[in-house]
Amino acid sequence: MESLDSTTYKVYSKTMSGKDCVKLLKKHGWTVSRIRGSHHVMLKDGCVIPVPVHGNADLMPGTLHSILKKAGLK
């Protein structure tokens, strides 16, 4: 994670690991509902987002974009 503008919630990083994505979501009020295999299921206000966590491997750009869009951070 490179930088986060907290006023507009725009993430300027093109790549992010699953671990960093979970940390970012936790900062914005998401909680880990459950972990099944390598997927952490994040929950907030009835909305569910699965986040694949494969060590320190970066998420694919489309996957990261989708997660951040569903979370309202992009």
N, C-alpha and C. Protein backbone atom coordinates (compact mmCIF):
# COMPACT_ATOMS: atom_id res chain seq x y z
N MET A 1 0.85 -1.17 0.00
CA MET A 1 0.00 0.00 0.00
C MET A 1 0.89 1.23 0.00
N GLU A 2 0.69 2.10 -0.98
CA GLU A 2 1.53 3.28 -1.09
C GLU A 2 0.97 4.46 -0.32
N SER A 3 -0.20 4.89 -0.67
CA SER A 3 -0.78 6.04 0.02
C SER A 3 -2.29 5.98 -0.04
N LEU A 4 -2.93 6.61 0.93
CA LEU A 4 -4.38 6.64 0.99
C LEU A 4 -4.81 8.05 1.32
N ASP A 5 -5.61 8.64 0.46
CA ASP A 5 -6.17 9.96 0.71
C ASP A 5 -7.45 9.74 1.51
N SER A 6 -7.42 10.06 2.80
CA SER A 6 -8.55 9.74 3.68
C SER A 6 -9.78 10.60 3.42
N THR A 7 -9.62 11.70 2.69
CA THR A 7 -10.79 12.54 2.45
C THR A 7 -11.64 12.01 1.30
N THR A 8 -11.01 11.50 0.27
CA THR A 8 -11.76 10.99 -0.88
C THR A 8 -11.70 9.48 -0.99
N TYR A 9 -10.96 8.84 -0.12
CA TYR A 9 -10.83 7.38 -0.11
C TYR A 9 -10.35 6.82 -1.44
N LYS A 10 -9.44 7.52 -2.07
CA LYS A 10 -8.88 7.01 -3.31
C LYS A 10 -7.56 6.32 -3.00
N VAL A 11 -7.43 5.13 -3.45
CA VAL A 11 -6.19 4.39 -3.26
C VAL A 11 -5.35 4.58 -4.51
N TYR A 12 -4.13 5.06 -4.32
CA TYR A 12 -3.27 5.36 -5.45
C TYR A 12 -2.34 4.22 -5.81
N SER A 13 -2.41 3.12 -5.09
CA SER A 13 -1.56 1.98 -5.36
C SER A 13 -2.18 1.09 -6.42
N LYS A 14 -1.38 0.63 -7.37
CA LYS A 14 -1.87 -0.29 -8.40
C LYS A 14 -1.81 -1.73 -7.91
N THR A 15 -0.91 -2.01 -6.96
CA THR A 15 -0.78 -3.37 -6.45
C THR A 15 -0.86 -3.36 -4.93
N MET A 16 -1.39 -4.44 -4.39
CA MET A 16 -1.53 -4.57 -2.95
C MET A 16 -1.67 -6.06 -2.65
N SER A 17 -1.05 -6.51 -1.57
CA SER A 17 -1.21 -7.90 -1.19
C SER A 17 -2.55 -8.09 -0.50
N GLY A 18 -2.98 -9.33 -0.39
CA GLY A 18 -4.23 -9.62 0.29
C GLY A 18 -4.19 -9.20 1.75
N LYS A 19 -3.02 -9.39 2.39
CA LYS A 19 -2.87 -8.99 3.80
C LYS A 19 -3.06 -7.49 3.96
N ASP A 20 -2.44 -6.72 3.05
CA ASP A 20 -2.58 -5.26 3.12
C ASP A 20 -4.01 -4.82 2.84
N CYS A 21 -4.68 -5.53 1.96
CA CYS A 21 -6.07 -5.20 1.64
C CYS A 21 -6.96 -5.45 2.86
N VAL A 22 -6.73 -6.54 3.58
CA VAL A 22 -7.49 -6.82 4.80
C VAL A 22 -7.24 -5.74 5.84
N LYS A 23 -5.99 -5.30 5.99
CA LYS A 23 -5.65 -4.23 6.93
C LYS A 23 -6.37 -2.94 6.56
N LEU A 24 -6.39 -2.61 5.27
CA LEU A 24 -7.04 -1.40 4.80
C LEU A 24 -8.54 -1.45 5.08
N LEU A 25 -9.16 -2.59 4.81
CA LEU A 25 -10.59 -2.72 5.06
C LEU A 25 -10.90 -2.63 6.56
N LYS A 26 -10.03 -3.21 7.40
CA LYS A 26 -10.24 -3.13 8.85
C LYS A 26 -10.18 -1.68 9.33
N LYS A 27 -9.30 -0.87 8.73
CA LYS A 27 -9.20 0.55 9.10
C LYS A 27 -10.50 1.30 8.81
N HIS A 28 -11.25 0.80 7.85
CA HIS A 28 -12.48 1.47 7.44
C HIS A 28 -13.73 0.78 7.98
N GLY A 29 -13.56 0.01 9.06
CA GLY A 29 -14.72 -0.53 9.77
C GLY A 29 -15.17 -1.92 9.37
N TRP A 30 -14.48 -2.57 8.44
CA TRP A 30 -14.83 -3.93 8.06
C TRP A 30 -14.26 -4.90 9.08
N THR A 31 -14.93 -6.01 9.30
CA THR A 31 -14.45 -7.04 10.22
C THR A 31 -14.33 -8.36 9.48
N VAL A 32 -13.44 -9.23 9.99
CA VAL A 32 -13.29 -10.55 9.40
C VAL A 32 -14.40 -11.43 9.95
N SER A 33 -15.32 -11.82 9.09
CA SER A 33 -16.43 -12.66 9.49
C SER A 33 -15.98 -14.10 9.68
N ARG A 34 -15.21 -14.60 8.71
CA ARG A 34 -14.69 -15.96 8.79
C ARG A 34 -13.53 -16.10 7.82
N ILE A 35 -12.77 -17.16 8.01
CA ILE A 35 -11.67 -17.49 7.11
C ILE A 35 -11.87 -18.93 6.67
N ARG A 36 -11.91 -19.12 5.37
CA ARG A 36 -12.05 -20.48 4.85
C ARG A 36 -10.96 -20.68 3.81
N GLY A 37 -10.00 -21.50 4.16
CA GLY A 37 -8.86 -21.69 3.27
C GLY A 37 -8.04 -20.42 3.20
N SER A 38 -7.86 -19.91 1.99
CA SER A 38 -7.06 -18.70 1.82
C SER A 38 -7.92 -17.46 1.61
N HIS A 39 -9.22 -17.56 1.86
CA HIS A 39 -10.11 -16.42 1.65
C HIS A 39 -10.63 -15.89 2.98
N HIS A 40 -10.38 -14.60 3.21
CA HIS A 40 -10.91 -13.92 4.39
C HIS A 40 -12.20 -13.24 3.95
N VAL A 41 -13.27 -13.51 4.65
CA VAL A 41 -14.57 -12.93 4.30
C VAL A 41 -14.80 -11.74 5.22
N MET A 42 -14.85 -10.55 4.62
CA MET A 42 -15.01 -9.30 5.35
C MET A 42 -16.48 -8.92 5.37
N LEU A 43 -16.93 -8.35 6.50
CA LEU A 43 -18.34 -8.04 6.69
C LEU A 43 -18.49 -6.63 7.26
N LYS A 44 -19.46 -5.88 6.69
CA LYS A 44 -19.80 -4.56 7.22
C LYS A 44 -21.21 -4.22 6.77
N ASP A 45 -22.07 -3.93 7.72
CA ASP A 45 -23.45 -3.53 7.43
C ASP A 45 -24.17 -4.50 6.48
N GLY A 46 -23.95 -5.78 6.66
CA GLY A 46 -24.62 -6.79 5.85
C GLY A 46 -23.99 -7.04 4.50
N CYS A 47 -22.98 -6.27 4.13
CA CYS A 47 -22.28 -6.46 2.86
C CYS A 47 -21.08 -7.38 3.09
N VAL A 48 -20.89 -8.33 2.19
CA VAL A 48 -19.83 -9.32 2.34
C VAL A 48 -18.85 -9.20 1.18
N ILE A 49 -17.54 -9.19 1.51
CA ILE A 49 -16.50 -9.14 0.48
C ILE A 49 -15.47 -10.22 0.78
N PRO A 50 -15.28 -11.18 -0.13
CA PRO A 50 -14.21 -12.16 0.05
C PRO A 50 -12.88 -11.58 -0.44
N VAL A 51 -11.83 -11.76 0.36
CA VAL A 51 -10.50 -11.27 -0.01
C VAL A 51 -9.54 -12.46 -0.02
N PRO A 52 -8.96 -12.80 -1.18
CA PRO A 52 -7.99 -13.89 -1.21
C PRO A 52 -6.66 -13.45 -0.60
N VAL A 53 -6.16 -14.23 0.34
CA VAL A 53 -4.89 -13.91 0.99
C VAL A 53 -3.94 -15.08 0.75
N HIS A 54 -2.99 -14.88 -0.14
CA HIS A 54 -2.01 -15.91 -0.47
C HIS A 54 -0.62 -15.41 -0.09
N GLY A 55 -0.34 -15.41 1.20
CA GLY A 55 0.95 -14.92 1.68
C GLY A 55 1.11 -13.45 1.37
N ASN A 56 2.27 -13.10 0.83
CA ASN A 56 2.53 -11.70 0.47
C ASN A 56 2.37 -11.45 -1.02
N ALA A 57 1.71 -12.37 -1.73
CA ALA A 57 1.51 -12.21 -3.17
C ALA A 57 0.51 -11.08 -3.43
N ASP A 58 0.79 -10.28 -4.44
CA ASP A 58 -0.10 -9.19 -4.81
C ASP A 58 -1.38 -9.72 -5.42
N LEU A 59 -2.47 -9.01 -5.16
CA LEU A 59 -3.74 -9.33 -5.78
C LEU A 59 -3.69 -8.91 -7.25
N MET A 60 -4.44 -9.58 -8.07
CA MET A 60 -4.53 -9.18 -9.47
C MET A 60 -5.22 -7.82 -9.52
N PRO A 61 -4.83 -6.96 -10.45
CA PRO A 61 -5.40 -5.60 -10.50
C PRO A 61 -6.93 -5.57 -10.57
N GLY A 62 -7.54 -6.45 -11.34
CA GLY A 62 -9.00 -6.48 -11.45
C GLY A 62 -9.65 -6.90 -10.14
N THR A 63 -9.04 -7.85 -9.44
CA THR A 63 -9.56 -8.31 -8.16
C THR A 63 -9.47 -7.20 -7.14
N LEU A 64 -8.34 -6.51 -7.09
CA LEU A 64 -8.16 -5.40 -6.15
C LEU A 64 -9.17 -4.29 -6.45
N HIS A 65 -9.34 -3.96 -7.72
CA HIS A 65 -10.29 -2.91 -8.11
C HIS A 65 -11.71 -3.28 -7.67
N SER A 66 -12.08 -4.54 -7.88
CA SER A 66 -13.42 -5.00 -7.51
C SER A 66 -13.65 -4.93 -6.00
N ILE A 67 -12.66 -5.35 -5.23
CA ILE A 67 -12.77 -5.32 -3.77
C ILE A 67 -12.93 -3.89 -3.28
N LEU A 68 -12.08 -3.00 -3.76
CA LEU A 68 -12.12 -1.60 -3.32
C LEU A 68 -13.41 -0.91 -3.76
N LYS A 69 -13.91 -1.27 -4.93
CA LYS A 69 -15.15 -0.68 -5.42
C LYS A 69 -16.34 -1.13 -4.56
N LYS A 70 -16.38 -2.44 -4.22
CA LYS A 70 -17.46 -2.95 -3.37
C LYS A 70 -17.41 -2.33 -1.98
N ALA A 71 -16.19 -2.03 -1.51
CA ALA A 71 -16.02 -1.46 -0.17
C ALA A 71 -16.27 0.04 -0.17
N GLY A 72 -16.41 0.64 -1.33
CA GLY A 72 -16.65 2.08 -1.41
C GLY A 72 -15.39 2.90 -1.24
N LEU A 73 -14.25 2.29 -1.52
CA LEU A 73 -12.97 3.00 -1.38
C LEU A 73 -12.41 3.45 -2.71
N LYS A 74 -13.12 3.20 -3.77
CA LYS A 74 -12.63 3.60 -5.10
C LYS A 74 -13.77 4.08 -5.94
